[in-house]
Amino acid sequence: MVSRSESIENGLTQLSSLNELPKFCIVDLDFYNQNVLKQLQELRIEYPTIKLIAHSDIDDEKVGKSLLDIGFSSYLLLGSDVDDFKRVIETVIAMDS
């Protein structure tokens, strides 16, 4: 299933309407929104079984650590190619096996 939402709140609404949850979600992060980490924590608490993959243009170790602390499985930088996405998705799915 492929779905897109413009906010974490909208994404939570979409997830709540599904009969079966996805194994993973790629979250394109906007760190200019001051509440993004709080919203991501809510997403993680509400759906702890979904593997989260962050996608952002911010290459910052502090940001990466914050995301891992929240429970993200991986982090891709803006400009990552298709092979990077495939590799990360395969790795995240294998974590469940």
PDB file of N, CA and C in Angstrom:
ATOM      1  N   MET A   1       0.834  -1.177   0.000  1.00  0.00           N
ATOM      2  CA  MET A   1       0.000   0.000   0.000  1.00  0.00           C
ATOM      3  C   MET A   1       0.879   1.240   0.000  1.00  0.00           C
ATOM      4  N   VAL A   2       0.516   2.200  -0.774  1.00  0.00           N
ATOM      5  CA  VAL A   2       1.214   3.472  -0.811  1.00  0.00           C
ATOM      6  C   VAL A   2       0.214   4.553  -0.446  1.00  0.00           C
ATOM      7  N   SER A   3       0.616   5.397   0.479  1.00  0.00           N
ATOM      8  CA  SER A   3      -0.246   6.479   0.919  1.00  0.00           C
ATOM      9  C   SER A   3       0.628   7.684   1.201  1.00  0.00           C
ATOM     10  N   ARG A   4       0.039   8.842   1.073  1.00  0.00           N
ATOM     11  CA  ARG A   4       0.793  10.059   1.340  1.00  0.00           C
ATOM     12  C   ARG A   4      -0.074  10.997   2.157  1.00  0.00           C
ATOM     13  N   SER A   5       0.546  11.638   3.129  1.00  0.00           N
ATOM     14  CA  SER A   5      -0.181  12.636   3.911  1.00  0.00           C
ATOM     15  C   SER A   5       0.724  13.839   4.105  1.00  0.00           C
ATOM     16  N   GLU A   6       0.125  14.975   4.329  1.00  0.00           N
ATOM     17  CA  GLU A   6       0.880  16.218   4.473  1.00  0.00           C
ATOM     18  C   GLU A   6       1.257  16.521   5.918  1.00  0.00           C
ATOM     19  N   SER A   7       0.744  15.729   6.844  1.00  0.00           N
ATOM     20  CA  SER A   7       1.071  15.951   8.247  1.00  0.00           C
ATOM     21  C   SER A   7       1.024  14.624   8.994  1.00  0.00           C
ATOM     22  N   ILE A   8       1.666  14.574  10.125  1.00  0.00           N
ATOM     23  CA  ILE A   8       1.638  13.368  10.939  1.00  0.00           C
ATOM     24  C   ILE A   8       0.220  13.117  11.427  1.00  0.00           C
ATOM     25  N   GLU A   9      -0.477  14.177  11.766  1.00  0.00           N
ATOM     26  CA  GLU A   9      -1.873  14.046  12.213  1.00  0.00           C
ATOM     27  C   GLU A   9      -2.716  13.376  11.126  1.00  0.00           C
ATOM     28  N   ASN A  10      -2.557  13.820   9.884  1.00  0.00           N
ATOM     29  CA  ASN A  10      -3.298  13.217   8.773  1.00  0.00           C
ATOM     30  C   ASN A  10      -2.871  11.765   8.576  1.00  0.00           C
ATOM     31  N   GLY A  11      -1.581  11.498   8.726  1.00  0.00           N
ATOM     32  CA  GLY A  11      -1.084  10.128   8.620  1.00  0.00           C
ATOM     33  C   GLY A  11      -1.673   9.219   9.679  1.00  0.00           C
ATOM     34  N   LEU A  12      -1.794   9.727  10.903  1.00  0.00           N
ATOM     35  CA  LEU A  12      -2.427   8.942  11.974  1.00  0.00           C
ATOM     36  C   LEU A  12      -3.870   8.617  11.639  1.00  0.00           C
ATOM     37  N   THR A  13      -4.571   9.574  11.064  1.00  0.00           N
ATOM     38  CA  THR A  13      -5.965   9.349  10.654  1.00  0.00           C
ATOM     39  C   THR A  13      -6.035   8.267   9.586  1.00  0.00           C
ATOM     40  N   GLN A  14      -5.143   8.340   8.607  1.00  0.00           N
ATOM     41  CA  GLN A  14      -5.128   7.330   7.546  1.00  0.00           C
ATOM     42  C   GLN A  14      -4.803   5.950   8.112  1.00  0.00           C
ATOM     43  N   LEU A  15      -3.831   5.864   9.001  1.00  0.00           N
ATOM     44  CA  LEU A  15      -3.474   4.583   9.595  1.00  0.00           C
ATOM     45  C   LEU A  15      -4.634   3.996  10.392  1.00  0.00           C
ATOM     46  N   SER A  16      -5.361   4.825  11.101  1.00  0.00           N
ATOM     47  CA  SER A  16      -6.462   4.331  11.934  1.00  0.00           C
ATOM     48  C   SER A  16      -7.593   3.740  11.094  1.00  0.00           C
ATOM     49  N   SER A  17      -7.666   4.108   9.827  1.00  0.00           N
ATOM     50  CA  SER A  17      -8.744   3.601   8.975  1.00  0.00           C
ATOM     51  C   SER A  17      -8.391   2.289   8.279  1.00  0.00           C
ATOM     52  N   LEU A  18      -7.160   1.830   8.421  1.00  0.00           N
ATOM     53  CA  LEU A  18      -6.721   0.612   7.740  1.00  0.00           C
ATOM     54  C   LEU A  18      -7.148  -0.644   8.484  1.00  0.00           C
ATOM     55  N   ASN A  19      -7.475  -1.687   7.731  1.00  0.00           N
ATOM     56  CA  ASN A  19      -7.768  -2.987   8.326  1.00  0.00           C
ATOM     57  C   ASN A  19      -6.488  -3.706   8.723  1.00  0.00           C
ATOM     58  N   GLU A  20      -5.417  -3.491   7.953  1.00  0.00           N
ATOM     59  CA  GLU A  20      -4.126  -4.106   8.237  1.00  0.00           C
ATOM     60  C   GLU A  20      -3.054  -3.024   8.164  1.00  0.00           C
ATOM     61  N   LEU A  21      -2.235  -2.955   9.209  1.00  0.00           N
ATOM     62  CA  LEU A  21      -1.189  -1.934   9.263  1.00  0.00           C
ATOM     63  C   LEU A  21      -0.022  -2.308   8.358  1.00  0.00           C
ATOM     64  N   PRO A  22       0.646  -1.306   7.804  1.00  0.00           N
ATOM     65  CA  PRO A  22       1.831  -1.583   6.984  1.00  0.00           C
ATOM     66  C   PRO A  22       2.986  -2.041   7.869  1.00  0.00           C
ATOM     67  N   LYS A  23       3.960  -2.733   7.257  1.00  0.00           N
ATOM     68  CA  LYS A  23       5.146  -3.165   8.001  1.00  0.00           C
ATOM     69  C   LYS A  23       6.071  -1.987   8.280  1.00  0.00           C
ATOM     70  N   PHE A  24       6.065  -0.992   7.387  1.00  0.00           N
ATOM     71  CA  PHE A  24       6.935   0.165   7.561  1.00  0.00           C
ATOM     72  C   PHE A  24       6.294   1.405   6.966  1.00  0.00           C
ATOM     73  N   CYS A  25       6.756   2.559   7.421  1.00  0.00           N
ATOM     74  CA  CYS A  25       6.356   3.855   6.871  1.00  0.00           C
ATOM     75  C   CYS A  25       7.615   4.692   6.678  1.00  0.00           C
ATOM     76  N   ILE A  26       7.683   5.369   5.554  1.00  0.00           N
ATOM     77  CA  ILE A  26       8.748   6.327   5.314  1.00  0.00           C
ATOM     78  C   ILE A  26       8.172   7.689   5.643  1.00  0.00           C
ATOM     79  N   VAL A  27       8.816   8.377   6.557  1.00  0.00           N
ATOM     80  CA  VAL A  27       8.325   9.670   7.023  1.00  0.00           C
ATOM     81  C   VAL A  27       9.287  10.752   6.538  1.00  0.00           C
ATOM     82  N   ASP A  28       8.796  11.619   5.660  1.00  0.00           N
ATOM     83  CA  ASP A  28       9.591  12.739   5.163  1.00  0.00           C
ATOM     84  C   ASP A  28       9.472  13.852   6.196  1.00  0.00           C
ATOM     85  N   LEU A  29      10.568  14.166   6.832  1.00  0.00           N
ATOM     86  CA  LEU A  29      10.532  15.047   7.992  1.00  0.00           C
ATOM     87  C   LEU A  29      10.736  16.511   7.647  1.00  0.00           C
ATOM     88  N   ASP A  30       9.954  17.338   8.306  1.00  0.00           N
ATOM     89  CA  ASP A  30      10.055  18.791   8.191  1.00  0.00           C
ATOM     90  C   ASP A  30      10.426  19.321   9.566  1.00  0.00           C
ATOM     91  N   PHE A  31      11.719  19.534   9.788  1.00  0.00           N
ATOM     92  CA  PHE A  31      12.164  19.966  11.107  1.00  0.00           C
ATOM     93  C   PHE A  31      11.922  21.445  11.352  1.00  0.00           C
ATOM     94  N   TYR A  32      11.322  22.118  10.395  1.00  0.00           N
ATOM     95  CA  TYR A  32      10.972  23.513  10.617  1.00  0.00           C
ATOM     96  C   TYR A  32       9.684  23.605  11.425  1.00  0.00           C
ATOM     97  N   ASN A  33       8.955  22.485  11.502  1.00  0.00           N
ATOM     98  CA  ASN A  33       7.788  22.386  12.363  1.00  0.00           C
ATOM     99  C   ASN A  33       8.313  22.069  13.765  1.00  0.00           C
ATOM    100  N   GLN A  34       8.120  22.970  14.702  1.00  0.00           N
ATOM    101  CA  GLN A  34       8.685  22.818  16.045  1.00  0.00           C
ATOM    102  C   GLN A  34       8.138  21.602  16.799  1.00  0.00           C
ATOM    103  N   ASN A  35       6.970  21.131  16.430  1.00  0.00           N
ATOM    104  CA  ASN A  35       6.347  20.025  17.159  1.00  0.00           C
ATOM    105  C   ASN A  35       6.627  18.667  16.541  1.00  0.00           C
ATOM    106  N   VAL A  36       7.512  18.592  15.539  1.00  0.00           N
ATOM    107  CA  VAL A  36       7.672  17.350  14.792  1.00  0.00           C
ATOM    108  C   VAL A  36       8.132  16.192  15.677  1.00  0.00           C
ATOM    109  N   LEU A  37       9.075  16.387  16.587  1.00  0.00           N
ATOM    110  CA  LEU A  37       9.525  15.277  17.428  1.00  0.00           C
ATOM    111  C   LEU A  37       8.417  14.796  18.357  1.00  0.00           C
ATOM    112  N   LYS A  38       7.639  15.715  18.887  1.00  0.00           N
ATOM    113  CA  LYS A  38       6.505  15.333  19.739  1.00  0.00           C
ATOM    114  C   LYS A  38       5.482  14.529  18.931  1.00  0.00           C
ATOM    115  N   GLN A  39       5.207  14.973  17.720  1.00  0.00           N
ATOM    116  CA  GLN A  39       4.258  14.264  16.856  1.00  0.00           C
ATOM    117  C   GLN A  39       4.783  12.880  16.491  1.00  0.00           C
ATOM    118  N   LEU A  40       6.072  12.773  16.248  1.00  0.00           N
ATOM    119  CA  LEU A  40       6.665  11.476  15.918  1.00  0.00           C
ATOM    120  C   LEU A  40       6.592  10.523  17.105  1.00  0.00           C
ATOM    121  N   GLN A  41       6.757  11.049  18.308  1.00  0.00           N
ATOM    122  CA  GLN A  41       6.611  10.217  19.502  1.00  0.00           C
ATOM    123  C   GLN A  41       5.183   9.692  19.604  1.00  0.00           C
ATOM    124  N   GLU A  42       4.202  10.531  19.285  1.00  0.00           N
ATOM    125  CA  GLU A  42       2.798  10.100  19.304  1.00  0.00           C
ATOM    126  C   GLU A  42       2.572   8.989  18.286  1.00  0.00           C
ATOM    127  N   LEU A  43       3.154   9.142  17.097  1.00  0.00           N
ATOM    128  CA  LEU A  43       3.036   8.110  16.062  1.00  0.00           C
ATOM    129  C   LEU A  43       3.639   6.801  16.552  1.00  0.00           C
ATOM    130  N   ARG A  44       4.801   6.860  17.153  1.00  0.00           N
ATOM    131  CA  ARG A  44       5.477   5.665  17.653  1.00  0.00           C
ATOM    132  C   ARG A  44       4.671   4.995  18.770  1.00  0.00           C
ATOM    133  N   ILE A  45       4.094   5.792  19.661  1.00  0.00           N
ATOM    134  CA  ILE A  45       3.296   5.243  20.764  1.00  0.00           C
ATOM    135  C   ILE A  45       2.013   4.605  20.232  1.00  0.00           C
ATOM    136  N   GLU A  46       1.372   5.261  19.296  1.00  0.00           N
ATOM    137  CA  GLU A  46       0.106   4.768  18.743  1.00  0.00           C
ATOM    138  C   GLU A  46       0.295   3.505  17.903  1.00  0.00           C
ATOM    139  N   TYR A  47       1.416   3.419  17.183  1.00  0.00           N
ATOM    140  CA  TYR A  47       1.663   2.294  16.270  1.00  0.00           C
ATOM    141  C   TYR A  47       3.068   1.725  16.482  1.00  0.00           C
ATOM    142  N   PRO A  48       3.299   1.064  17.609  1.00  0.00           N
ATOM    143  CA  PRO A  48       4.647   0.588  17.928  1.00  0.00           C
ATOM    144  C   PRO A  48       5.152  -0.525  17.016  1.00  0.00           C
ATOM    145  N   THR A  49       4.276  -1.218  16.302  1.00  0.00           N
ATOM    146  CA  THR A  49       4.719  -2.332  15.461  1.00  0.00           C
ATOM    147  C   THR A  49       5.172  -1.886  14.076  1.00  0.00           C
ATOM    148  N   ILE A  50       4.855  -0.671  13.678  1.00  0.00           N
ATOM    149  CA  ILE A  50       5.256  -0.175  12.358  1.00  0.00           C
ATOM    150  C   ILE A  50       6.704   0.301  12.430  1.00  0.00           C
ATOM    151  N   LYS A  51       7.529  -0.193  11.524  1.00  0.00           N
ATOM    152  CA  LYS A  51       8.908   0.262  11.434  1.00  0.00           C
ATOM    153  C   LYS A  51       8.916   1.622  10.745  1.00  0.00           C
ATOM    154  N   LEU A  52       9.601   2.575  11.330  1.00  0.00           N
ATOM    155  CA  LEU A  52       9.635   3.934  10.792  1.00  0.00           C
ATOM    156  C   LEU A  52      11.000   4.222  10.171  1.00  0.00           C
ATOM    157  N   ILE A  53      10.961   4.764   8.956  1.00  0.00           N
ATOM    158  CA  ILE A  53      12.166   5.168   8.237  1.00  0.00           C
ATOM    159  C   ILE A  53      12.067   6.672   8.008  1.00  0.00           C
ATOM    160  N   ALA A  54      13.040   7.403   8.504  1.00  0.00           N
ATOM    161  CA  ALA A  54      13.045   8.859   8.337  1.00  0.00           C
ATOM    162  C   ALA A  54      13.699   9.226   7.011  1.00  0.00           C
ATOM    163  N   HIS A  55      13.193  10.290   6.408  1.00  0.00           N
ATOM    164  CA  HIS A  55      13.753  10.837   5.165  1.00  0.00           C
ATOM    165  C   HIS A  55      13.828  12.342   5.365  1.00  0.00           C
ATOM    166  N   SER A  56      15.043  12.895   5.293  1.00  0.00           N
ATOM    167  CA  SER A  56      15.205  14.311   5.585  1.00  0.00           C
ATOM    168  C   SER A  56      16.418  14.870   4.859  1.00  0.00           C
ATOM    169  N   ASP A  57      16.465  16.191   4.774  1.00  0.00           N
ATOM    170  CA  ASP A  57      17.624  16.859   4.188  1.00  0.00           C
ATOM    171  C   ASP A  57      18.631  17.293   5.247  1.00  0.00           C
ATOM    172  N   ILE A  58      18.362  16.986   6.503  1.00  0.00           N
ATOM    173  CA  ILE A  58      19.238  17.413   7.592  1.00  0.00           C
ATOM    174  C   ILE A  58      20.203  16.284   7.943  1.00  0.00           C
ATOM    175  N   ASP A  59      21.478  16.517   7.681  1.00  0.00           N
ATOM    176  CA  ASP A  59      22.535  15.555   7.981  1.00  0.00           C
ATOM    177  C   ASP A  59      23.175  15.979   9.301  1.00  0.00           C
ATOM    178  N   ASP A  60      22.553  15.558  10.389  1.00  0.00           N
ATOM    179  CA  ASP A  60      22.985  15.992  11.711  1.00  0.00           C
ATOM    180  C   ASP A  60      22.914  14.802  12.658  1.00  0.00           C
ATOM    181  N   GLU A  61      24.033  14.493  13.304  1.00  0.00           N
ATOM    182  CA  GLU A  61      24.095  13.348  14.197  1.00  0.00           C
ATOM    183  C   GLU A  61      23.087  13.470  15.353  1.00  0.00           C
ATOM    184  N   LYS A  62      22.880  14.680  15.853  1.00  0.00           N
ATOM    185  CA  LYS A  62      21.935  14.911  16.955  1.00  0.00           C
ATOM    186  C   LYS A  62      20.508  14.559  16.514  1.00  0.00           C
ATOM    187  N   VAL A  63      20.148  14.958  15.303  1.00  0.00           N
ATOM    188  CA  VAL A  63      18.815  14.640  14.778  1.00  0.00           C
ATOM    189  C   VAL A  63      18.674  13.126  14.622  1.00  0.00           C
ATOM    190  N   GLY A  64      19.692  12.486  14.046  1.00  0.00           N
ATOM    191  CA  GLY A  64      19.658  11.030  13.886  1.00  0.00           C
ATOM    192  C   GLY A  64      19.502  10.312  15.212  1.00  0.00           C
ATOM    193  N   LYS A  65      20.237  10.764  16.234  1.00  0.00           N
ATOM    194  CA  LYS A  65      20.136  10.142  17.553  1.00  0.00           C
ATOM    195  C   LYS A  65      18.737  10.337  18.138  1.00  0.00           C
ATOM    196  N   SER A  66      18.170  11.523  17.976  1.00  0.00           N
ATOM    197  CA  SER A  66      16.820  11.787  18.486  1.00  0.00           C
ATOM    198  C   SER A  66      15.810  10.842  17.843  1.00  0.00           C
ATOM    199  N   LEU A  67      15.956  10.617  16.550  1.00  0.00           N
ATOM    200  CA  LEU A  67      15.029   9.727  15.840  1.00  0.00           C
ATOM    201  C   LEU A  67      15.201   8.279  16.291  1.00  0.00           C
ATOM    202  N   LEU A  68      16.434   7.846  16.470  1.00  0.00           N
ATOM    203  CA  LEU A  68      16.661   6.488  16.954  1.00  0.00           C
ATOM    204  C   LEU A  68      16.123   6.322  18.373  1.00  0.00           C
ATOM    205  N   ASP A  69      16.259   7.363  19.202  1.00  0.00           N
ATOM    206  CA  ASP A  69      15.727   7.321  20.568  1.00  0.00           C
ATOM    207  C   ASP A  69      14.205   7.191  20.566  1.00  0.00           C
ATOM    208  N   ILE A  70      13.557   7.818  19.600  1.00  0.00           N
ATOM    209  CA  ILE A  70      12.094   7.723  19.489  1.00  0.00           C
ATOM    210  C   ILE A  70      11.689   6.324  19.039  1.00  0.00           C
ATOM    211  N   GLY A  71      12.550   5.666  18.267  1.00  0.00           N
ATOM    212  CA  GLY A  71      12.234   4.323  17.799  1.00  0.00           C
ATOM    213  C   GLY A  71      12.253   4.153  16.291  1.00  0.00           C
ATOM    214  N   PHE A  72      12.836   5.115  15.574  1.00  0.00           N
ATOM    215  CA  PHE A  72      12.970   4.953  14.133  1.00  0.00           C
ATOM    216  C   PHE A  72      13.969   3.840  13.848  1.00  0.00           C
ATOM    217  N   SER A  73      13.728   3.117  12.775  1.00  0.00           N
ATOM    218  CA  SER A  73      14.600   2.004  12.397  1.00  0.00           C
ATOM    219  C   SER A  73      15.756   2.432  11.518  1.00  0.00           C
ATOM    220  N   SER A  74      15.560   3.507  10.745  1.00  0.00           N
ATOM    221  CA  SER A  74      16.602   3.942   9.826  1.00  0.00           C
ATOM    222  C   SER A  74      16.383   5.394   9.435  1.00  0.00           C
ATOM    223  N   TYR A  75      17.398   5.961   8.764  1.00  0.00           N
ATOM    224  CA  TYR A  75      17.384   7.374   8.391  1.00  0.00           C
ATOM    225  C   TYR A  75      18.021   7.518   7.015  1.00  0.00           C
ATOM    226  N   LEU A  76      17.284   8.070   6.068  1.00  0.00           N
ATOM    227  CA  LEU A  76      17.792   8.322   4.719  1.00  0.00           C
ATOM    228  C   LEU A  76      17.855   9.818   4.473  1.00  0.00           C
ATOM    229  N   LEU A  77      18.931  10.243   3.847  1.00  0.00           N
ATOM    230  CA  LEU A  77      19.061  11.659   3.513  1.00  0.00           C
ATOM    231  C   LEU A  77      18.402  11.952   2.177  1.00  0.00           C
ATOM    232  N   LEU A  78      17.898  13.162   2.060  1.00  0.00           N
ATOM    233  CA  LEU A  78      17.354  13.635   0.796  1.00  0.00           C
ATOM    234  C   LEU A  78      18.417  13.432  -0.276  1.00  0.00           C
ATOM    235  N   GLY A  79      18.024  12.902  -1.402  1.00  0.00           N
ATOM    236  CA  GLY A  79      18.970  12.611  -2.466  1.00  0.00           C
ATOM    237  C   GLY A  79      19.400  11.157  -2.492  1.00  0.00           C
ATOM    238  N   SER A  80      18.955  10.377  -1.497  1.00  0.00           N
ATOM    239  CA  SER A  80      19.250   8.940  -1.518  1.00  0.00           C
ATOM    240  C   SER A  80      18.634   8.347  -2.772  1.00  0.00           C
ATOM    241  N   ASP A  81      19.333   7.395  -3.378  1.00  0.00           N
ATOM    242  CA  ASP A  81      18.799   6.818  -4.613  1.00  0.00           C
ATOM    243  C   ASP A  81      17.908   5.614  -4.324  1.00  0.00           C
ATOM    244  N   VAL A  82      17.344   5.081  -5.375  1.00  0.00           N
ATOM    245  CA  VAL A  82      16.398   3.965  -5.267  1.00  0.00           C
ATOM    246  C   VAL A  82      17.047   2.767  -4.577  1.00  0.00           C
ATOM    247  N   ASP A  83      18.303   2.496  -4.894  1.00  0.00           N
ATOM    248  CA  ASP A  83      18.986   1.367  -4.269  1.00  0.00           C
ATOM    249  C   ASP A  83      19.123   1.548  -2.755  1.00  0.00           C
ATOM    250  N   ASP A  84      19.355   2.790  -2.316  1.00  0.00           N
ATOM    251  CA  ASP A  84      19.420   3.072  -0.880  1.00  0.00           C
ATOM    252  C   ASP A  84      18.082   2.754  -0.212  1.00  0.00           C
ATOM    253  N   PHE A  85      16.993   3.197  -0.850  1.00  0.00           N
ATOM    254  CA  PHE A  85      15.663   2.928  -0.301  1.00  0.00           C
ATOM    255  C   PHE A  85      15.396   1.426  -0.244  1.00  0.00           C
ATOM    256  N   LYS A  86      15.711   0.713  -1.322  1.00  0.00           N
ATOM    257  CA  LYS A  86      15.490  -0.740  -1.351  1.00  0.00           C
ATOM    258  C   LYS A  86      16.263  -1.423  -0.237  1.00  0.00           C
ATOM    259  N   ARG A  87      17.529  -1.053  -0.086  1.00  0.00           N
ATOM    260  CA  ARG A  87      18.381  -1.673   0.931  1.00  0.00           C
ATOM    261  C   ARG A  87      17.818  -1.435   2.331  1.00  0.00           C
ATOM    262  N   VAL A  88      17.431  -0.196   2.617  1.00  0.00           N
ATOM    263  CA  VAL A  88      16.902   0.132   3.941  1.00  0.00           C
ATOM    264  C   VAL A  88      15.583  -0.597   4.193  1.00  0.00           C
ATOM    265  N   ILE A  89      14.700  -0.617   3.204  1.00  0.00           N
ATOM    266  CA  ILE A  89      13.414  -1.301   3.362  1.00  0.00           C
ATOM    267  C   ILE A  89      13.635  -2.800   3.610  1.00  0.00           C
ATOM    268  N   GLU A  90      14.515  -3.419   2.826  1.00  0.00           N
ATOM    269  CA  GLU A  90      14.795  -4.847   3.019  1.00  0.00           C
ATOM    270  C   GLU A  90      15.361  -5.108   4.405  1.00  0.00           C
ATOM    271  N   THR A  91      16.247  -4.240   4.877  1.00  0.00           N
ATOM    272  CA  THR A  91      16.846  -4.401   6.205  1.00  0.00           C
ATOM    273  C   THR A  91      15.790  -4.264   7.298  1.00  0.00           C
ATOM    274  N   VAL A  92      14.929  -3.263   7.162  1.00  0.00           N
ATOM    275  CA  VAL A  92      13.885  -3.032   8.165  1.00  0.00           C
ATOM    276  C   VAL A  92      12.903  -4.190   8.209  1.00  0.00           C
ATOM    277  N   ILE A  93      12.521  -4.701   7.047  1.00  0.00           N
ATOM    278  CA  ILE A  93      11.593  -5.832   7.001  1.00  0.00           C
ATOM    279  C   ILE A  93      12.248  -7.065   7.598  1.00  0.00           C
ATOM    280  N   ALA A  94      13.549  -7.246   7.327  1.00  0.00           N
ATOM    281  CA  ALA A  94      14.269  -8.409   7.874  1.00  0.00           C
ATOM    282  C   ALA A  94      14.353  -8.352   9.398  1.00  0.00           C
ATOM    283  N   MET A  95      14.272  -7.161   9.972  1.00  0.00           N
ATOM    284  CA  MET A  95      14.314  -7.024  11.440  1.00  0.00           C
ATOM    285  C   MET A  95      13.151  -7.770  12.089  1.00  0.00           C
ATOM    286  N   ASP A  96      12.038  -7.880  11.372  1.00  0.00           N
ATOM    287  CA  ASP A  96      10.856  -8.557  11.894  1.00  0.00           C
ATOM    288  C   ASP A  96      10.976 -10.075  11.824  1.00  0.00           C
ATOM    289  N   SER A  97      11.828 -10.556  10.948  1.00  0.00           N
ATOM    290  CA  SER A  97      11.928 -12.008  10.715  1.00  0.00           C
ATOM    291  C   SER A  97      12.691 -12.717  11.792  1.00  0.00           C
TER     292      SER A  97
END
